[in-house]
C-alpha atoms as a PDB file:
ATOM      1  CA  MET A   1       0.070  -0.093  -0.016  1.00  0.00           C
ATOM      2  CA  PRO A   2       2.030   2.951  -1.261  1.00  0.00           C
ATOM      3  CA  GLN A   3      -0.144   5.697   0.554  1.00  0.00           C
ATOM      4  CA  LEU A   4       1.027   4.375   3.913  1.00  0.00           C
ATOM      5  CA  ASN A   5       4.657   5.247   3.033  1.00  0.00           C
ATOM      6  CA  PRO A   6       5.116   8.775   4.398  1.00  0.00           C
ATOM      7  CA  SER A   7       8.587   9.652   3.080  1.00  0.00           C
ATOM      8  CA  PRO A   8       7.622  11.243  -0.252  1.00  0.00           C
ATOM      9  CA  TRP A   9       4.503  12.908   0.994  1.00  0.00           C
ATOM     10  CA  LEU A  10       6.084  14.283   4.107  1.00  0.00           C
ATOM     11  CA  ALA A  11       8.736  15.977   2.114  1.00  0.00           C
ATOM     12  CA  ILE A  12       6.129  17.486  -0.410  1.00  0.00           C
ATOM     13  CA  MET A  13       4.155  18.664   2.616  1.00  0.00           C
ATOM     14  CA  ILE A  14       7.011  20.335   4.210  1.00  0.00           C
ATOM     15  CA  PHE A  15       8.315  21.933   1.082  1.00  0.00           C
ATOM     16  CA  SER A  16       4.900  23.275   0.186  1.00  0.00           C
ATOM     17  CA  TRP A  17       4.389  24.796   3.574  1.00  0.00           C
ATOM     18  CA  LEU A  18       7.871  26.275   3.612  1.00  0.00           C
ATOM     19  CA  THR A  19       6.942  27.873   0.339  1.00  0.00           C
ATOM     20  CA  PHE A  20       3.728  29.321   1.699  1.00  0.00           C
ATOM     21  CA  LEU A  21       5.290  30.562   4.847  1.00  0.00           C
ATOM     22  CA  ILE A  22       8.639  31.971   3.692  1.00  0.00           C
ATOM     23  CA  ILE A  23       8.382  32.733  -0.017  1.00  0.00           C
ATOM     24  CA  ILE A  24       4.941  33.985  -0.782  1.00  0.00           C
ATOM     25  CA  PRO A  25       4.178  36.446   2.059  1.00  0.00           C
ATOM     26  CA  PRO A  26       7.108  38.873   1.232  1.00  0.00           C
ATOM     27  CA  LYS A  27       5.805  38.961  -2.355  1.00  0.00           C
ATOM     28  CA  ILE A  28       2.334  39.686  -1.258  1.00  0.00           C
ATOM     29  CA  MET A  29       3.325  42.341   1.329  1.00  0.00           C
ATOM     30  CA  ALA A  30       5.308  44.161  -1.340  1.00  0.00           C
ATOM     31  CA  HIS A  31       2.272  45.397  -3.200  1.00  0.00           C
ATOM     32  CA  ILE A  32       1.233  48.865  -2.718  1.00  0.00           C
ATOM     33  CA  MET A  33      -2.471  49.945  -2.493  1.00  0.00           C
ATOM     34  CA  PRO A  34      -3.175  52.455  -5.155  1.00  0.00           C
ATOM     35  CA  ASN A  35      -5.536  54.411  -2.952  1.00  0.00           C
ATOM     36  CA  GLU A  36      -4.089  55.012   0.441  1.00  0.00           C
ATOM     37  CA  PRO A  37      -6.628  56.282   2.949  1.00  0.00           C
ATOM     38  CA  ALA A  38      -5.900  59.961   3.717  1.00  0.00           C
ATOM     39  CA  SER A  39      -6.404  61.172   7.409  1.00  0.00           C
ATOM     40  CA  GLN A  40      -8.756  63.967   7.948  1.00  0.00           C
ATOM     41  CA  ASP A  41      -8.389  66.875  10.133  1.00  0.00           C
ATOM     42  CA  PRO A  42     -11.167  66.717  12.896  1.00  0.00           C
ATOM     43  CA  GLY A  43     -11.694  70.378  12.948  1.00  0.00           C
ATOM     44  CA  LYS A  44     -12.344  70.537   9.115  1.00  0.00           C
ATOM     45  CA  SER A  45     -14.971  67.880   9.267  1.00  0.00           C
ATOM     46  CA  LYS A  46     -17.664  70.120  10.783  1.00  0.00           C
ATOM     47  CA  MET A  47     -20.541  70.446   8.268  1.00  0.00           C
ATOM     48  CA  ASP A  48     -22.656  73.831   7.804  1.00  0.00           C
ATOM     49  CA  THR A  49     -26.313  73.710   8.107  1.00  0.00           C
ATOM     50  CA  TRP A  50     -28.161  73.633   4.780  1.00  0.00           C
ATOM     51  CA  ASN A  51     -30.321  76.645   4.080  1.00  0.00           C
ATOM     52  CA  TRP A  52     -33.423  75.474   2.058  1.00  0.00           C
ATOM     53  CA  PRO A  53     -34.420  78.373  -0.335  1.00  0.00           C
ATOM     54  CA  TRP A  54     -38.273  77.309  -0.189  1.00  0.00           C
ATOM     55  CA  LEU A  55     -38.761  77.328   3.610  1.00  0.00           C
END
């Protein structure tokens, strides 16, 4: 029963996890978001009241 022999499958599992944990995360973290959120000044965010012309 070849599926009970863990030697080739253990090596495949270890190399695939090393790939996922060491090689791929720096490549993903190197991407830059095109629209970085800008911080707003809390004093500027005060809204004026709307004057309705028909009231």
